Amino acid sequence: YLENIPSGRFPARLFKGDKGCNFELVIPKS
């Protein structure tokens, strides 16, 4: 659950313990 992020493509990282993944989070215009 996220709030008030503008539309666009943003660098993001998901991680847990020694595992981590970089990705691009896409927030659509709505």
ModelCIF file with pLDDT and N, C-alpha, C, O atoms, coordinates in Angstrom:
data_MODEL
#
_entry.id   MODEL 
#
_entity.id                         1 
_entity.type                       polymer 
_entity.pdbx_number_of_molecules   1 
#
_entity_poly.entity_id                      1 
_entity_poly.type                           'polypeptide(L)' 
_entity_poly.nstd_linkage                   no 
_entity_poly.nstd_monomer                   no 
_entity_poly.pdbx_seq_one_letter_code       YLENIPSGRFPARLFKGDKGCNFELVIPKS 
_entity_poly.pdbx_seq_one_letter_code_can   YLENIPSGRFPARLFKGDKGCNFELVIPKS 
_entity_poly.pdbx_strand_id                 A 
#
loop_
_entity_poly_seq.entity_id 
_entity_poly_seq.num 
_entity_poly_seq.mon_id 
_entity_poly_seq.hetero 
1 1  TYR n 
1 2  LEU n 
1 3  GLU n 
1 4  ASN n 
1 5  ILE n 
1 6  PRO n 
1 7  SER n 
1 8  GLY n 
1 9  ARG n 
1 10 PHE n 
1 11 PRO n 
1 12 ALA n 
1 13 ARG n 
1 14 LEU n 
1 15 PHE n 
1 16 LYS n 
1 17 GLY n 
1 18 ASP n 
1 19 LYS n 
1 20 GLY n 
1 21 CYS n 
1 22 ASN n 
1 23 PHE n 
1 24 GLU n 
1 25 LEU n 
1 26 VAL n 
1 27 ILE n 
1 28 PRO n 
1 29 LYS n 
1 30 SER n 
#
_struct_asym.id          A 
_struct_asym.entity_id   1 
#
loop_
_ma_qa_metric.id 
_ma_qa_metric.mode 
_ma_qa_metric.name 
_ma_qa_metric.software_group_id 
_ma_qa_metric.type 
1 global pLDDT . pLDDT 
2 local  pLDDT . pLDDT 
#
_ma_qa_metric_global.metric_id      1 
_ma_qa_metric_global.metric_value   93.53 
_ma_qa_metric_global.model_id       1 
_ma_qa_metric_global.ordinal_id     1 
#
loop_
_ma_qa_metric_local.label_asym_id 
_ma_qa_metric_local.label_comp_id 
_ma_qa_metric_local.label_seq_id 
_ma_qa_metric_local.metric_id 
_ma_qa_metric_local.metric_value 
_ma_qa_metric_local.model_id 
_ma_qa_metric_local.ordinal_id 
A TYR 1  2 96.00 1 1  
A LEU 2  2 95.00 1 2  
A GLU 3  2 92.00 1 3  
A ASN 4  2 90.00 1 4  
A ILE 5  2 93.00 1 5  
A PRO 6  2 93.00 1 6  
A SER 7  2 94.00 1 7  
A GLY 8  2 95.00 1 8  
A ARG 9  2 96.00 1 9  
A PHE 10 2 97.00 1 10 
A PRO 11 2 97.00 1 11 
A ALA 12 2 96.00 1 12 
A ARG 13 2 95.00 1 13 
A LEU 14 2 95.00 1 14 
A PHE 15 2 94.00 1 15 
A LYS 16 2 93.00 1 16 
A GLY 17 2 89.00 1 17 
A ASP 18 2 87.00 1 18 
A LYS 19 2 88.00 1 19 
A GLY 20 2 89.00 1 20 
A CYS 21 2 92.00 1 21 
A ASN 22 2 94.00 1 22 
A PHE 23 2 94.00 1 23 
A GLU 24 2 94.00 1 24 
A LEU 25 2 95.00 1 25 
A VAL 26 2 95.00 1 26 
A ILE 27 2 95.00 1 27 
A PRO 28 2 95.00 1 28 
A LYS 29 2 95.00 1 29 
A SER 30 2 93.00 1 30 
#
loop_
_atom_site.group_PDB 
_atom_site.id 
_atom_site.type_symbol 
_atom_site.label_atom_id 
_atom_site.label_alt_id 
_atom_site.label_comp_id 
_atom_site.label_asym_id 
_atom_site.label_entity_id 
_atom_site.label_seq_id 
_atom_site.pdbx_PDB_ins_code 
_atom_site.Cartn_x 
_atom_site.Cartn_y 
_atom_site.Cartn_z 
_atom_site.occupancy 
_atom_site.B_iso_or_equiv 
_atom_site.pdbx_formal_charge 
_atom_site.auth_seq_id 
_atom_site.auth_comp_id 
_atom_site.auth_asym_id 
_atom_site.auth_atom_id 
_atom_site.pdbx_PDB_model_num 
ATOM 1   N N  . TYR A 1 1  ? 0.867  -1.176  0.000   1.00 96.00 ? 1  TYR A N  1 
ATOM 2   C CA . TYR A 1 1  ? 0.000  0.000   0.000   1.00 96.00 ? 1  TYR A CA 1 
ATOM 3   C C  . TYR A 1 1  ? 0.902  1.223   0.000   1.00 96.00 ? 1  TYR A C  1 
ATOM 4   O O  . TYR A 1 1  ? 1.755  1.366   0.876   1.00 96.00 ? 1  TYR A O  1 
ATOM 5   N N  . LEU A 1 2  ? 0.721  2.101   -0.970  1.00 95.00 ? 2  LEU A N  1 
ATOM 6   C CA . LEU A 1 2  ? 1.514  3.329   -1.078  1.00 95.00 ? 2  LEU A CA 1 
ATOM 7   C C  . LEU A 1 2  ? 0.568  4.500   -1.279  1.00 95.00 ? 2  LEU A C  1 
ATOM 8   O O  . LEU A 1 2  ? -0.543 4.325   -1.780  1.00 95.00 ? 2  LEU A O  1 
ATOM 9   N N  . GLU A 1 3  ? 1.007  5.703   -0.888  1.00 92.00 ? 3  GLU A N  1 
ATOM 10  C CA . GLU A 1 3  ? 0.175  6.903   -1.036  1.00 92.00 ? 3  GLU A CA 1 
ATOM 11  C C  . GLU A 1 3  ? 0.912  8.001   -1.775  1.00 92.00 ? 3  GLU A C  1 
ATOM 12  O O  . GLU A 1 3  ? 2.123  8.170   -1.634  1.00 92.00 ? 3  GLU A O  1 
ATOM 13  N N  . ASN A 1 4  ? 0.152  8.744   -2.566  1.00 90.00 ? 4  ASN A N  1 
ATOM 14  C CA . ASN A 1 4  ? 0.572  10.007  -3.186  1.00 90.00 ? 4  ASN A CA 1 
ATOM 15  C C  . ASN A 1 4  ? 1.920  9.941   -3.897  1.00 90.00 ? 4  ASN A C  1 
ATOM 16  O O  . ASN A 1 4  ? 2.827  10.718  -3.598  1.00 90.00 ? 4  ASN A O  1 
ATOM 17  N N  . ILE A 1 5  ? 2.042  9.025   -4.822  1.00 93.00 ? 5  ILE A N  1 
ATOM 18  C CA . ILE A 1 5  ? 3.221  8.946   -5.679  1.00 93.00 ? 5  ILE A CA 1 
ATOM 19  C C  . ILE A 1 5  ? 2.793  9.468   -7.048  1.00 93.00 ? 5  ILE A C  1 
ATOM 20  O O  . ILE A 1 5  ? 1.760  9.041   -7.565  1.00 93.00 ? 5  ILE A O  1 
ATOM 21  N N  . PRO A 1 6  ? 3.553  10.371  -7.644  1.00 93.00 ? 6  PRO A N  1 
ATOM 22  C CA . PRO A 1 6  ? 3.162  10.881  -8.965  1.00 93.00 ? 6  PRO A CA 1 
ATOM 23  C C  . PRO A 1 6  ? 3.287  9.781   -10.021 1.00 93.00 ? 6  PRO A C  1 
ATOM 24  O O  . PRO A 1 6  ? 3.970  8.779   -9.807  1.00 93.00 ? 6  PRO A O  1 
ATOM 25  N N  . SER A 1 7  ? 2.632  9.974   -11.145 1.00 94.00 ? 7  SER A N  1 
ATOM 26  C CA . SER A 1 7  ? 2.744  8.985   -12.212 1.00 94.00 ? 7  SER A CA 1 
ATOM 27  C C  . SER A 1 7  ? 4.152  9.022   -12.794 1.00 94.00 ? 7  SER A C  1 
ATOM 28  O O  . SER A 1 7  ? 4.788  10.075  -12.839 1.00 94.00 ? 7  SER A O  1 
ATOM 29  N N  . GLY A 1 8  ? 4.630  7.867   -13.236 1.00 95.00 ? 8  GLY A N  1 
ATOM 30  C CA . GLY A 1 8  ? 5.956  7.780   -13.832 1.00 95.00 ? 8  GLY A CA 1 
ATOM 31  C C  . GLY A 1 8  ? 6.603  6.442   -13.551 1.00 95.00 ? 8  GLY A C  1 
ATOM 32  O O  . GLY A 1 8  ? 5.978  5.522   -13.022 1.00 95.00 ? 8  GLY A O  1 
ATOM 33  N N  . ARG A 1 9  ? 7.882  6.355   -13.921 1.00 96.00 ? 9  ARG A N  1 
ATOM 34  C CA . ARG A 1 9  ? 8.677  5.144   -13.712 1.00 96.00 ? 9  ARG A CA 1 
ATOM 35  C C  . ARG A 1 9  ? 9.769  5.478   -12.700 1.00 96.00 ? 9  ARG A C  1 
ATOM 36  O O  . ARG A 1 9  ? 10.517 6.438   -12.883 1.00 96.00 ? 9  ARG A O  1 
ATOM 37  N N  . PHE A 1 10 ? 9.858  4.680   -11.627 1.00 97.00 ? 10 PHE A N  1 
ATOM 38  C CA . PHE A 1 10 ? 10.770 4.993   -10.540 1.00 97.00 ? 10 PHE A CA 1 
ATOM 39  C C  . PHE A 1 10 ? 11.648 3.793   -10.188 1.00 97.00 ? 10 PHE A C  1 
ATOM 40  O O  . PHE A 1 10 ? 11.161 2.665   -10.119 1.00 97.00 ? 10 PHE A O  1 
ATOM 41  N N  . PRO A 1 11 ? 12.954 4.036   -9.964  1.00 97.00 ? 11 PRO A N  1 
ATOM 42  C CA . PRO A 1 11 ? 13.822 2.946   -9.523  1.00 97.00 ? 11 PRO A CA 1 
ATOM 43  C C  . PRO A 1 11 ? 13.404 2.497   -8.123  1.00 97.00 ? 11 PRO A C  1 
ATOM 44  O O  . PRO A 1 11 ? 13.134 3.316   -7.245  1.00 97.00 ? 11 PRO A O  1 
ATOM 45  N N  . ALA A 1 12 ? 13.358 1.178   -7.937  1.00 96.00 ? 12 ALA A N  1 
ATOM 46  C CA . ALA A 1 12 ? 12.925 0.632   -6.654  1.00 96.00 ? 12 ALA A CA 1 
ATOM 47  C C  . ALA A 1 12 ? 13.765 -0.594  -6.308  1.00 96.00 ? 12 ALA A C  1 
ATOM 48  O O  . ALA A 1 12 ? 14.448 -1.167  -7.156  1.00 96.00 ? 12 ALA A O  1 
ATOM 49  N N  . ARG A 1 13 ? 13.692 -0.971  -5.046  1.00 95.00 ? 13 ARG A N  1 
ATOM 50  C CA . ARG A 1 13 ? 14.433 -2.142  -4.564  1.00 95.00 ? 13 ARG A CA 1 
ATOM 51  C C  . ARG A 1 13 ? 13.554 -2.877  -3.567  1.00 95.00 ? 13 ARG A C  1 
ATOM 52  O O  . ARG A 1 13 ? 12.973 -2.276  -2.664  1.00 95.00 ? 13 ARG A O  1 
ATOM 53  N N  . LEU A 1 14 ? 13.469 -4.198  -3.748  1.00 95.00 ? 14 LEU A N  1 
ATOM 54  C CA . LEU A 1 14 ? 12.756 -5.080  -2.841  1.00 95.00 ? 14 LEU A CA 1 
ATOM 55  C C  . LEU A 1 14 ? 13.809 -5.978  -2.203  1.00 95.00 ? 14 LEU A C  1 
ATOM 56  O O  . LEU A 1 14 ? 14.627 -6.559  -2.916  1.00 95.00 ? 14 LEU A O  1 
ATOM 57  N N  . PHE A 1 15 ? 13.810 -6.106  -0.882  1.00 94.00 ? 15 PHE A N  1 
ATOM 58  C CA . PHE A 1 15 ? 14.877 -6.870  -0.218  1.00 94.00 ? 15 PHE A CA 1 
ATOM 59  C C  . PHE A 1 15 ? 14.360 -7.553  1.036   1.00 94.00 ? 15 PHE A C  1 
ATOM 60  O O  . PHE A 1 15 ? 13.435 -7.089  1.704   1.00 94.00 ? 15 PHE A O  1 
ATOM 61  N N  . LYS A 1 16 ? 15.009 -8.690  1.326   1.00 93.00 ? 16 LYS A N  1 
ATOM 62  C CA . LYS A 1 16 ? 14.682 -9.443  2.537   1.00 93.00 ? 16 LYS A CA 1 
ATOM 63  C C  . LYS A 1 16 ? 15.891 -10.304 2.863   1.00 93.00 ? 16 LYS A C  1 
ATOM 64  O O  . LYS A 1 16 ? 16.288 -11.147 2.059   1.00 93.00 ? 16 LYS A O  1 
ATOM 65  N N  . GLY A 1 17 ? 16.477 -10.099 4.034   1.00 89.00 ? 17 GLY A N  1 
ATOM 66  C CA . GLY A 1 17 ? 17.678 -10.839 4.401   1.00 89.00 ? 17 GLY A CA 1 
ATOM 67  C C  . GLY A 1 17 ? 18.797 -10.564 3.414   1.00 89.00 ? 17 GLY A C  1 
ATOM 68  O O  . GLY A 1 17 ? 19.116 -9.404  3.154   1.00 89.00 ? 17 GLY A O  1 
ATOM 69  N N  . ASP A 1 18 ? 19.399 -11.606 2.860   1.00 87.00 ? 18 ASP A N  1 
ATOM 70  C CA . ASP A 1 18 ? 20.488 -11.423 1.901   1.00 87.00 ? 18 ASP A CA 1 
ATOM 71  C C  . ASP A 1 18 ? 19.993 -11.370 0.456   1.00 87.00 ? 18 ASP A C  1 
ATOM 72  O O  . ASP A 1 18 ? 20.800 -11.314 -0.473  1.00 87.00 ? 18 ASP A O  1 
ATOM 73  N N  . LYS A 1 19 ? 18.699 -11.388 0.264   1.00 88.00 ? 19 LYS A N  1 
ATOM 74  C CA . LYS A 1 19 ? 18.121 -11.346 -1.080  1.00 88.00 ? 19 LYS A CA 1 
ATOM 75  C C  . LYS A 1 19 ? 17.650 -9.935  -1.393  1.00 88.00 ? 19 LYS A C  1 
ATOM 76  O O  . LYS A 1 19 ? 17.035 -9.280  -0.551  1.00 88.00 ? 19 LYS A O  1 
ATOM 77  N N  . GLY A 1 20 ? 17.936 -9.467  -2.603  1.00 89.00 ? 20 GLY A N  1 
ATOM 78  C CA . GLY A 1 20 ? 17.490 -8.151  -3.019  1.00 89.00 ? 20 GLY A CA 1 
ATOM 79  C C  . GLY A 1 20 ? 17.311 -8.082  -4.516  1.00 89.00 ? 20 GLY A C  1 
ATOM 80  O O  . GLY A 1 20 ? 18.065 -8.707  -5.262  1.00 89.00 ? 20 GLY A O  1 
ATOM 81  N N  . CYS A 1 21 ? 16.335 -7.339  -4.959  1.00 92.00 ? 21 CYS A N  1 
ATOM 82  C CA . CYS A 1 21 ? 16.050 -7.197  -6.386  1.00 92.00 ? 21 CYS A CA 1 
ATOM 83  C C  . CYS A 1 21 ? 15.806 -5.726  -6.699  1.00 92.00 ? 21 CYS A C  1 
ATOM 84  O O  . CYS A 1 21 ? 14.996 -5.072  -6.042  1.00 92.00 ? 21 CYS A O  1 
ATOM 85  N N  . ASN A 1 22 ? 16.505 -5.215  -7.697  1.00 94.00 ? 22 ASN A N  1 
ATOM 86  C CA . ASN A 1 22 ? 16.254 -3.864  -8.192  1.00 94.00 ? 22 ASN A CA 1 
ATOM 87  C C  . ASN A 1 22 ? 15.277 -3.972  -9.357  1.00 94.00 ? 22 ASN A C  1 
ATOM 88  O O  . ASN A 1 22 ? 15.356 -4.905  -10.157 1.00 94.00 ? 22 ASN A O  1 
ATOM 89  N N  . PHE A 1 23 ? 14.360 -3.018  -9.450  1.00 94.00 ? 23 PHE A N  1 
ATOM 90  C CA . PHE A 1 23 ? 13.382 -3.027  -10.530 1.00 94.00 ? 23 PHE A CA 1 
ATOM 91  C C  . PHE A 1 23 ? 12.865 -1.614  -10.748 1.00 94.00 ? 23 PHE A C  1 
ATOM 92  O O  . PHE A 1 23 ? 13.240 -0.689  -10.027 1.00 94.00 ? 23 PHE A O  1 
ATOM 93  N N  . GLU A 1 24 ? 12.016 -1.453  -11.730 1.00 94.00 ? 24 GLU A N  1 
ATOM 94  C CA . GLU A 1 24 ? 11.414 -0.163  -12.028 1.00 94.00 ? 24 GLU A CA 1 
ATOM 95  C C  . GLU A 1 24 ? 9.922  -0.264  -11.704 1.00 94.00 ? 24 GLU A C  1 
ATOM 96  O O  . GLU A 1 24 ? 9.209  -1.084  -12.282 1.00 94.00 ? 24 GLU A O  1 
ATOM 97  N N  . LEU A 1 25 ? 9.459  0.570   -10.781 1.00 95.00 ? 25 LEU A N  1 
ATOM 98  C CA . LEU A 1 25 ? 8.048  0.588   -10.416 1.00 95.00 ? 25 LEU A CA 1 
ATOM 99  C C  . LEU A 1 25 ? 7.330  1.588   -11.314 1.00 95.00 ? 25 LEU A C  1 
ATOM 100 O O  . LEU A 1 25 ? 7.718  2.753   -11.393 1.00 95.00 ? 25 LEU A O  1 
ATOM 101 N N  . VAL A 1 26 ? 6.290  1.128   -11.983 1.00 95.00 ? 26 VAL A N  1 
ATOM 102 C CA . VAL A 1 26 ? 5.526  1.973   -12.901 1.00 95.00 ? 26 VAL A CA 1 
ATOM 103 C C  . VAL A 1 26 ? 4.227  2.390   -12.224 1.00 95.00 ? 26 VAL A C  1 
ATOM 104 O O  . VAL A 1 26 ? 3.405  1.551   -11.855 1.00 95.00 ? 26 VAL A O  1 
ATOM 105 N N  . ILE A 1 27 ? 4.057  3.697   -12.068 1.00 95.00 ? 27 ILE A N  1 
ATOM 106 C CA . ILE A 1 27 ? 2.832  4.263   -11.494 1.00 95.00 ? 27 ILE A CA 1 
ATOM 107 C C  . ILE A 1 27 ? 2.067  4.920   -12.631 1.00 95.00 ? 27 ILE A C  1 
ATOM 108 O O  . ILE A 1 27 ? 2.530  5.916   -13.188 1.00 95.00 ? 27 ILE A O  1 
ATOM 109 N N  . PRO A 1 28 ? 0.897  4.379   -12.990 1.00 95.00 ? 28 PRO A N  1 
ATOM 110 C CA . PRO A 1 28 ? 0.135  4.939   -14.106 1.00 95.00 ? 28 PRO A CA 1 
ATOM 111 C C  . PRO A 1 28 ? -0.552 6.254   -13.738 1.00 95.00 ? 28 PRO A C  1 
ATOM 112 O O  . PRO A 1 28 ? -0.830 6.513   -12.567 1.00 95.00 ? 28 PRO A O  1 
ATOM 113 N N  . LYS A 1 29 ? -0.819 7.067   -14.736 1.00 95.00 ? 29 LYS A N  1 
ATOM 114 C CA . LYS A 1 29 ? -1.585 8.294   -14.525 1.00 95.00 ? 29 LYS A CA 1 
ATOM 115 C C  . LYS A 1 29 ? -3.045 7.882   -14.365 1.00 95.00 ? 29 LYS A C  1 
ATOM 116 O O  . LYS A 1 29 ? -3.579 7.140   -15.189 1.00 95.00 ? 29 LYS A O  1 
ATOM 117 N N  . SER A 1 30 ? -3.681 8.357   -13.315 1.00 93.00 ? 30 SER A N  1 
ATOM 118 C CA . SER A 1 30 ? -5.058 7.973   -13.042 1.00 93.00 ? 30 SER A CA 1 
ATOM 119 C C  . SER A 1 30 ? -5.745 9.047   -12.202 1.00 93.00 ? 30 SER A C  1 
ATOM 120 O O  . SER A 1 30 ? -6.921 8.907   -11.865 1.00 93.00 ? 30 SER A O  1 
#
